[in-house]
PDB file of N, CA and C in Angstrom:
ATOM      1  N   MET A   1      81.836  -0.958  -9.164  1.00  0.00           N
ATOM      2  CA  MET A   1      80.917  -0.068  -8.494  1.00  0.00           C
ATOM      3  C   MET A   1      81.681   0.677  -7.397  1.00  0.00           C
ATOM      4  N   ASP A   2      81.515   1.967  -7.355  1.00  0.00           N
ATOM      5  CA  ASP A   2      82.202   2.813  -6.373  1.00  0.00           C
ATOM      6  C   ASP A   2      81.678   2.584  -4.957  1.00  0.00           C
ATOM      7  N   LEU A   3      82.527   2.862  -3.983  1.00  0.00           N
ATOM      8  CA  LEU A   3      82.141   2.743  -2.581  1.00  0.00           C
ATOM      9  C   LEU A   3      80.928   3.615  -2.277  1.00  0.00           C
ATOM     10  N   SER A   4      80.878   4.807  -2.847  1.00  0.00           N
ATOM     11  CA  SER A   4      79.755   5.714  -2.576  1.00  0.00           C
ATOM     12  C   SER A   4      78.429   5.087  -3.013  1.00  0.00           C
ATOM     13  N   VAL A   5      78.428   4.430  -4.150  1.00  0.00           N
ATOM     14  CA  VAL A   5      77.225   3.776  -4.665  1.00  0.00           C
ATOM     15  C   VAL A   5      76.852   2.587  -3.778  1.00  0.00           C
ATOM     16  N   LYS A   6      77.857   1.853  -3.340  1.00  0.00           N
ATOM     17  CA  LYS A   6      77.606   0.700  -2.469  1.00  0.00           C
ATOM     18  C   LYS A   6      77.052   1.132  -1.113  1.00  0.00           C
ATOM     19  N   LEU A   7      77.587   2.205  -0.557  1.00  0.00           N
ATOM     20  CA  LEU A   7      77.077   2.697   0.730  1.00  0.00           C
ATOM     21  C   LEU A   7      75.611   3.084   0.611  1.00  0.00           C
ATOM     22  N   LYS A   8      75.280   3.783  -0.440  1.00  0.00           N
ATOM     23  CA  LYS A   8      73.890   4.184  -0.665  1.00  0.00           C
ATOM     24  C   LYS A   8      73.005   2.958  -0.843  1.00  0.00           C
ATOM     25  N   ALA A   9      73.479   1.959  -1.568  1.00  0.00           N
ATOM     26  CA  ALA A   9      72.704   0.736  -1.793  1.00  0.00           C
ATOM     27  C   ALA A   9      72.449   0.000  -0.477  1.00  0.00           C
ATOM     28  N   ILE A  10      73.461  -0.079   0.359  1.00  0.00           N
ATOM     29  CA  ILE A  10      73.295  -0.734   1.660  1.00  0.00           C
ATOM     30  C   ILE A  10      72.264   0.004   2.495  1.00  0.00           C
ATOM     31  N   ARG A  11      72.416   1.295   2.563  1.00  0.00           N
ATOM     32  CA  ARG A  11      71.492   2.109   3.363  1.00  0.00           C
ATOM     33  C   ARG A  11      70.064   1.937   2.883  1.00  0.00           C
ATOM     34  N   ARG A  12      69.871   1.981   1.584  1.00  0.00           N
ATOM     35  CA  ARG A  12      68.516   1.836   1.027  1.00  0.00           C
ATOM     36  C   ARG A  12      67.970   0.431   1.217  1.00  0.00           C
ATOM     37  N   ARG A  13      68.826  -0.584   1.037  1.00  0.00           N
ATOM     38  CA  ARG A  13      68.402  -1.975   1.232  1.00  0.00           C
ATOM     39  C   ARG A  13      67.905  -2.200   2.653  1.00  0.00           C
ATOM     40  N   GLU A  14      68.550  -1.530   3.592  1.00  0.00           N
ATOM     41  CA  GLU A  14      68.173  -1.659   4.996  1.00  0.00           C
ATOM     42  C   GLU A  14      67.029  -0.718   5.377  1.00  0.00           C
ATOM     43  N   GLY A  15      66.591   0.116   4.443  1.00  0.00           N
ATOM     44  CA  GLY A  15      65.464   1.016   4.701  1.00  0.00           C
ATOM     45  C   GLY A  15      65.787   2.143   5.664  1.00  0.00           C
ATOM     46  N   LEU A  16      67.020   2.621   5.597  1.00  0.00           N
ATOM     47  CA  LEU A  16      67.475   3.665   6.525  1.00  0.00           C
ATOM     48  C   LEU A  16      67.661   4.999   5.822  1.00  0.00           C
ATOM     49  N   THR A  17      67.345   6.062   6.515  1.00  0.00           N
ATOM     50  CA  THR A  17      67.688   7.390   6.033  1.00  0.00           C
ATOM     51  C   THR A  17      69.178   7.600   6.286  1.00  0.00           C
ATOM     52  N   GLN A  18      69.725   8.639   5.714  1.00  0.00           N
ATOM     53  CA  GLN A  18      71.132   8.952   5.972  1.00  0.00           C
ATOM     54  C   GLN A  18      71.347   9.188   7.467  1.00  0.00           C
ATOM     55  N   LEU A  19      70.439   9.894   8.081  1.00  0.00           N
ATOM     56  CA  LEU A  19      70.564  10.216   9.509  1.00  0.00           C
ATOM     57  C   LEU A  19      70.504   8.955  10.366  1.00  0.00           C
ATOM     58  N   GLU A  20      69.606   8.041  10.051  1.00  0.00           N
ATOM     59  CA  GLU A  20      69.500   6.787  10.805  1.00  0.00           C
ATOM     60  C   GLU A  20      70.771   5.943  10.640  1.00  0.00           C
ATOM     61  N   PHE A  21      71.265   5.870   9.412  1.00  0.00           N
ATOM     62  CA  PHE A  21      72.487   5.113   9.134  1.00  0.00           C
ATOM     63  C   PHE A  21      73.643   5.683   9.949  1.00  0.00           C
ATOM     64  N   CYS A  22      73.780   6.992   9.928  1.00  0.00           N
ATOM     65  CA  CYS A  22      74.868   7.657  10.646  1.00  0.00           C
ATOM     66  C   CYS A  22      74.778   7.430  12.153  1.00  0.00           C
ATOM     67  N   ALA A  23      73.574   7.445  12.681  1.00  0.00           N
ATOM     68  CA  ALA A  23      73.402   7.198  14.117  1.00  0.00           C
ATOM     69  C   ALA A  23      73.836   5.778  14.471  1.00  0.00           C
ATOM     70  N   LEU A  24      73.528   4.816  13.609  1.00  0.00           N
ATOM     71  CA  LEU A  24      73.916   3.424  13.869  1.00  0.00           C
ATOM     72  C   LEU A  24      75.422   3.230  13.873  1.00  0.00           C
ATOM     73  N   VAL A  25      76.097   3.842  12.923  1.00  0.00           N
ATOM     74  CA  VAL A  25      77.546   3.601  12.781  1.00  0.00           C
ATOM     75  C   VAL A  25      78.404   4.709  13.380  1.00  0.00           C
ATOM     76  N   ASP A  26      77.774   5.699  13.972  1.00  0.00           N
ATOM     77  CA  ASP A  26      78.487   6.787  14.645  1.00  0.00           C
ATOM     78  C   ASP A  26      79.414   7.547  13.691  1.00  0.00           C
ATOM     79  N   ILE A  27      78.831   7.995  12.589  1.00  0.00           N
ATOM     80  CA  ILE A  27      79.522   8.856  11.623  1.00  0.00           C
ATOM     81  C   ILE A  27      78.703  10.132  11.509  1.00  0.00           C
ATOM     82  N   SER A  28      79.342  11.272  11.419  1.00  0.00           N
ATOM     83  CA  SER A  28      78.586  12.520  11.312  1.00  0.00           C
ATOM     84  C   SER A  28      77.843  12.560   9.974  1.00  0.00           C
ATOM     85  N   ILE A  29      76.687  13.149   9.998  1.00  0.00           N
ATOM     86  CA  ILE A  29      75.860  13.233   8.790  1.00  0.00           C
ATOM     87  C   ILE A  29      76.563  14.047   7.715  1.00  0.00           C
ATOM     88  N   SER A  30      77.275  15.091   8.098  1.00  0.00           N
ATOM     89  CA  SER A  30      77.956  15.913   7.096  1.00  0.00           C
ATOM     90  C   SER A  30      79.050  15.114   6.396  1.00  0.00           C
ATOM     91  N   SER A  31      79.793  14.324   7.145  1.00  0.00           N
ATOM     92  CA  SER A  31      80.822  13.479   6.534  1.00  0.00           C
ATOM     93  C   SER A  31      80.183  12.427   5.643  1.00  0.00           C
ATOM     94  N   TYR A  32      79.137  11.777   6.134  1.00  0.00           N
ATOM     95  CA  TYR A  32      78.508  10.707   5.364  1.00  0.00           C
ATOM     96  C   TYR A  32      77.948  11.213   4.033  1.00  0.00           C
ATOM     97  N   LYS A  33      77.335  12.373   4.056  1.00  0.00           N
ATOM     98  CA  LYS A  33      76.808  12.931   2.802  1.00  0.00           C
ATOM     99  C   LYS A  33      77.931  13.116   1.783  1.00  0.00           C
ATOM    100  N   LYS A  34      79.102  13.495   2.255  1.00  0.00           N
ATOM    101  CA  LYS A  34      80.250  13.660   1.360  1.00  0.00           C
ATOM    102  C   LYS A  34      80.729  12.320   0.828  1.00  0.00           C
ATOM    103  N   TYR A  35      80.659  11.272   1.652  1.00  0.00           N
ATOM    104  CA  TYR A  35      81.039   9.932   1.190  1.00  0.00           C
ATOM    105  C   TYR A  35      80.051   9.434   0.131  1.00  0.00           C
ATOM    106  N   GLU A  36      78.769   9.635   0.406  1.00  0.00           N
ATOM    107  CA  GLU A  36      77.751   9.105  -0.488  1.00  0.00           C
ATOM    108  C   GLU A  36      77.696   9.845  -1.821  1.00  0.00           C
ATOM    109  N   THR A  37      78.116  11.088  -1.830  1.00  0.00           N
ATOM    110  CA  THR A  37      78.141  11.845  -3.086  1.00  0.00           C
ATOM    111  C   THR A  37      79.525  11.823  -3.721  1.00  0.00           C
ATOM    112  N   ASP A  38      80.427  11.061  -3.126  1.00  0.00           N
ATOM    113  CA  ASP A  38      81.773  10.853  -3.653  1.00  0.00           C
ATOM    114  C   ASP A  38      82.622  12.123  -3.655  1.00  0.00           C
ATOM    115  N   LEU A  39      82.319  13.035  -2.724  1.00  0.00           N
ATOM    116  CA  LEU A  39      83.143  14.232  -2.582  1.00  0.00           C
ATOM    117  C   LEU A  39      84.420  13.930  -1.798  1.00  0.00           C
ATOM    118  N   PHE A  40      84.313  13.006  -0.838  1.00  0.00           N
ATOM    119  CA  PHE A  40      85.454  12.563  -0.044  1.00  0.00           C
ATOM    120  C   PHE A  40      85.472  11.046  -0.017  1.00  0.00           C
ATOM    121  N   GLU A  41      86.663  10.473   0.084  1.00  0.00           N
ATOM    122  CA  GLU A  41      86.777   9.036   0.254  1.00  0.00           C
ATOM    123  C   GLU A  41      86.641   8.707   1.733  1.00  0.00           C
ATOM    124  N   MET A  42      85.955   7.625   2.003  1.00  0.00           N
ATOM    125  CA  MET A  42      85.803   7.187   3.382  1.00  0.00           C
ATOM    126  C   MET A  42      87.120   6.580   3.852  1.00  0.00           C
ATOM    127  N   GLY A  43      87.583   7.013   4.991  1.00  0.00           N
ATOM    128  CA  GLY A  43      88.824   6.489   5.544  1.00  0.00           C
ATOM    129  C   GLY A  43      88.620   5.164   6.265  1.00  0.00           C
ATOM    130  N   TYR A  44      89.707   4.619   6.740  1.00  0.00           N
ATOM    131  CA  TYR A  44      89.702   3.321   7.414  1.00  0.00           C
ATOM    132  C   TYR A  44      88.770   3.305   8.626  1.00  0.00           C
ATOM    133  N   ALA A  45      88.824   4.333   9.442  1.00  0.00           N
ATOM    134  CA  ALA A  45      88.017   4.365  10.661  1.00  0.00           C
ATOM    135  C   ALA A  45      86.528   4.324  10.347  1.00  0.00           C
ATOM    136  N   GLY A  46      86.096   5.134   9.390  1.00  0.00           N
ATOM    137  CA  GLY A  46      84.689   5.148   9.002  1.00  0.00           C
ATOM    138  C   GLY A  46      84.256   3.835   8.384  1.00  0.00           C
ATOM    139  N   LEU A  47      85.091   3.300   7.532  1.00  0.00           N
ATOM    140  CA  LEU A  47      84.795   2.033   6.880  1.00  0.00           C
ATOM    141  C   LEU A  47      84.670   0.916   7.911  1.00  0.00           C
ATOM    142  N   CYS A  48      85.548   0.905   8.889  1.00  0.00           N
ATOM    143  CA  CYS A  48      85.477  -0.110   9.948  1.00  0.00           C
ATOM    144  C   CYS A  48      84.186  -0.007  10.749  1.00  0.00           C
ATOM    145  N   LYS A  49      83.710   1.200  10.966  1.00  0.00           N
ATOM    146  CA  LYS A  49      82.446   1.376  11.688  1.00  0.00           C
ATOM    147  C   LYS A  49      81.297   0.714  10.933  1.00  0.00           C
ATOM    148  N   VAL A  50      81.317   0.830   9.624  1.00  0.00           N
ATOM    149  CA  VAL A  50      80.268   0.200   8.812  1.00  0.00           C
ATOM    150  C   VAL A  50      80.465  -1.310   8.797  1.00  0.00           C
ATOM    151  N   LEU A  51      81.671  -1.753   8.507  1.00  0.00           N
ATOM    152  CA  LEU A  51      81.943  -3.182   8.336  1.00  0.00           C
ATOM    153  C   LEU A  51      81.750  -4.000   9.605  1.00  0.00           C
ATOM    154  N   THR A  52      81.944  -3.392  10.761  1.00  0.00           N
ATOM    155  CA  THR A  52      81.837  -4.144  12.008  1.00  0.00           C
ATOM    156  C   THR A  52      80.481  -4.005  12.698  1.00  0.00           C
ATOM    157  N   HIS A  53      79.608  -3.180  12.155  1.00  0.00           N
ATOM    158  CA  HIS A  53      78.282  -3.054  12.760  1.00  0.00           C
ATOM    159  C   HIS A  53      77.492  -4.326  12.449  1.00  0.00           C
ATOM    160  N   PRO A  54      76.852  -4.934  13.455  1.00  0.00           N
ATOM    161  CA  PRO A  54      76.151  -6.208  13.249  1.00  0.00           C
ATOM    162  C   PRO A  54      75.132  -6.200  12.108  1.00  0.00           C
ATOM    163  N   THR A  55      74.501  -5.082  11.861  1.00  0.00           N
ATOM    164  CA  THR A  55      73.518  -5.005  10.781  1.00  0.00           C
ATOM    165  C   THR A  55      74.159  -5.093   9.408  1.00  0.00           C
ATOM    166  N   PHE A  56      75.393  -4.646   9.284  1.00  0.00           N
ATOM    167  CA  PHE A  56      76.009  -4.506   7.969  1.00  0.00           C
ATOM    168  C   PHE A  56      77.133  -5.500   7.672  1.00  0.00           C
ATOM    169  N   THR A  57      77.480  -6.376   8.612  1.00  0.00           N
ATOM    170  CA  THR A  57      78.575  -7.314   8.363  1.00  0.00           C
ATOM    171  C   THR A  57      78.281  -8.249   7.194  1.00  0.00           C
ATOM    172  N   LYS A  58      77.011  -8.477   6.914  1.00  0.00           N
ATOM    173  CA  LYS A  58      76.654  -9.361   5.792  1.00  0.00           C
ATOM    174  C   LYS A  58      77.063  -8.782   4.437  1.00  0.00           C
ATOM    175  N   TYR A  59      77.381  -7.499   4.401  1.00  0.00           N
ATOM    176  CA  TYR A  59      77.795  -6.833   3.159  1.00  0.00           C
ATOM    177  C   TYR A  59      79.316  -6.666   3.041  1.00  0.00           C
ATOM    178  N   THR A  60      80.076  -7.126   4.019  1.00  0.00           N
ATOM    179  CA  THR A  60      81.510  -6.869   4.066  1.00  0.00           C
ATOM    180  C   THR A  60      82.247  -7.317   2.813  1.00  0.00           C
ATOM    181  N   LEU A  61      82.064  -8.553   2.411  1.00  0.00           N
ATOM    182  CA  LEU A  61      82.768  -9.063   1.238  1.00  0.00           C
ATOM    183  C   LEU A  61      82.403  -8.270  -0.010  1.00  0.00           C
ATOM    184  N   TRP A  62      81.120  -8.022  -0.198  1.00  0.00           N
ATOM    185  CA  TRP A  62      80.658  -7.282  -1.368  1.00  0.00           C
ATOM    186  C   TRP A  62      81.174  -5.842  -1.345  1.00  0.00           C
ATOM    187  N   LEU A  63      81.133  -5.215  -0.189  1.00  0.00           N
ATOM    188  CA  LEU A  63      81.585  -3.828  -0.078  1.00  0.00           C
ATOM    189  C   LEU A  63      83.067  -3.702  -0.412  1.00  0.00           C
ATOM    190  N   MET A  64      83.853  -4.666   0.022  1.00  0.00           N
ATOM    191  CA  MET A  64      85.299  -4.597  -0.173  1.00  0.00           C
ATOM    192  C   MET A  64      85.770  -5.135  -1.526  1.00  0.00           C
ATOM    193  N   THR A  65      85.085  -6.163  -2.055  1.00  0.00           N
ATOM    194  CA  THR A  65      85.585  -6.817  -3.270  1.00  0.00           C
ATOM    195  C   THR A  65      84.614  -6.850  -4.431  1.00  0.00           C
ATOM    196  N   GLY A  66      83.338  -6.622  -4.158  1.00  0.00           N
ATOM    197  CA  GLY A  66      82.330  -6.734  -5.207  1.00  0.00           C
ATOM    198  C   GLY A  66      81.798  -8.151  -5.368  1.00  0.00           C
ATOM    199  N   HIS A  67      82.309  -9.083  -4.577  1.00  0.00           N
ATOM    200  CA  HIS A  67      81.877 -10.479  -4.650  1.00  0.00           C
ATOM    201  C   HIS A  67      80.920 -10.791  -3.511  1.00  0.00           C
ATOM    202  N   THR A  68      80.193 -11.892  -3.661  1.00  0.00           N
ATOM    203  CA  THR A  68      79.323 -12.366  -2.597  1.00  0.00           C
ATOM    204  C   THR A  68      79.650 -13.825  -2.308  1.00  0.00           C
ATOM    205  N   ALA A  69      79.201 -14.285  -1.178  1.00  0.00           N
ATOM    206  CA  ALA A  69      79.322 -15.686  -0.775  1.00  0.00           C
ATOM    207  C   ALA A  69      78.095 -16.020   0.064  1.00  0.00           C
ATOM    208  N   PRO A  70      76.951 -16.199  -0.615  1.00  0.00           N
ATOM    209  CA  PRO A  70      75.706 -16.442   0.132  1.00  0.00           C
ATOM    210  C   PRO A  70      75.795 -17.611   1.099  1.00  0.00           C
ATOM    211  N   GLU A  71      76.579 -18.627   0.753  1.00  0.00           N
ATOM    212  CA  GLU A  71      76.717 -19.782   1.639  1.00  0.00           C
ATOM    213  C   GLU A  71      77.374 -19.401   2.965  1.00  0.00           C
ATOM    214  N   CYS A  72      78.044 -18.265   2.993  1.00  0.00           N
ATOM    215  CA  CYS A  72      78.688 -17.760   4.205  1.00  0.00           C
ATOM    216  C   CYS A  72      77.938 -16.567   4.784  1.00  0.00           C
ATOM    217  N   GLY A  73      76.792 -16.253   4.194  1.00  0.00           N
ATOM    218  CA  GLY A  73      76.000 -15.115   4.670  1.00  0.00           C
ATOM    219  C   GLY A  73      76.464 -13.779   4.130  1.00  0.00           C
ATOM    220  N   GLN A  74      77.318 -13.765   3.122  1.00  0.00           N
ATOM    221  CA  GLN A  74      77.825 -12.528   2.523  1.00  0.00           C
ATOM    222  C   GLN A  74      77.032 -12.215   1.261  1.00  0.00           C
ATOM    223  N   VAL A  75      76.281 -11.128   1.297  1.00  0.00           N
ATOM    224  CA  VAL A  75      75.354 -10.783   0.231  1.00  0.00           C
ATOM    225  C   VAL A  75      75.653  -9.403  -0.350  1.00  0.00           C
ATOM    226  N   SER A  76      74.990  -9.132  -1.439  1.00  0.00           N
ATOM    227  CA  SER A  76      75.070  -7.828  -2.108  1.00  0.00           C
ATOM    228  C   SER A  76      73.859  -6.998  -1.706  1.00  0.00           C
ATOM    229  N   ALA A  77      73.998  -5.698  -1.758  1.00  0.00           N
ATOM    230  CA  ALA A  77      72.869  -4.813  -1.469  1.00  0.00           C
ATOM    231  C   ALA A  77      72.098  -4.445  -2.733  1.00  0.00           C
ATOM    232  N   VAL A  78      72.542  -4.932  -3.869  1.00  0.00           N
ATOM    233  CA  VAL A  78      71.829  -4.661  -5.132  1.00  0.00           C
ATOM    234  C   VAL A  78      71.341  -5.937  -5.766  1.00  0.00           C
TER     235      VAL A  78
END
C-alpha cells in the first residue's frame, strides 16, 4: 500500500478533514494534497511531523512497514 493511501486512511480513521490534519501536523494544505494524491513524495521532515504527533504515533509501524503490533499499541488505519 502506498504512503499516499496510508495517509488518507489515517486521516479518515481519525475523522479529520485534510485541513484539520494539516493544522495538527503543521504541513501546508497544498503540499498535503499533493502527498495524498501521490503527485509528490513526502519528505523526511513531513513524515516526521506525522509520525511524532501524539495522535498518530499508533500508526508508525504500519505507516513505515505495513505491519502492526497491537500488543505494543501499533495499529493499522484500515
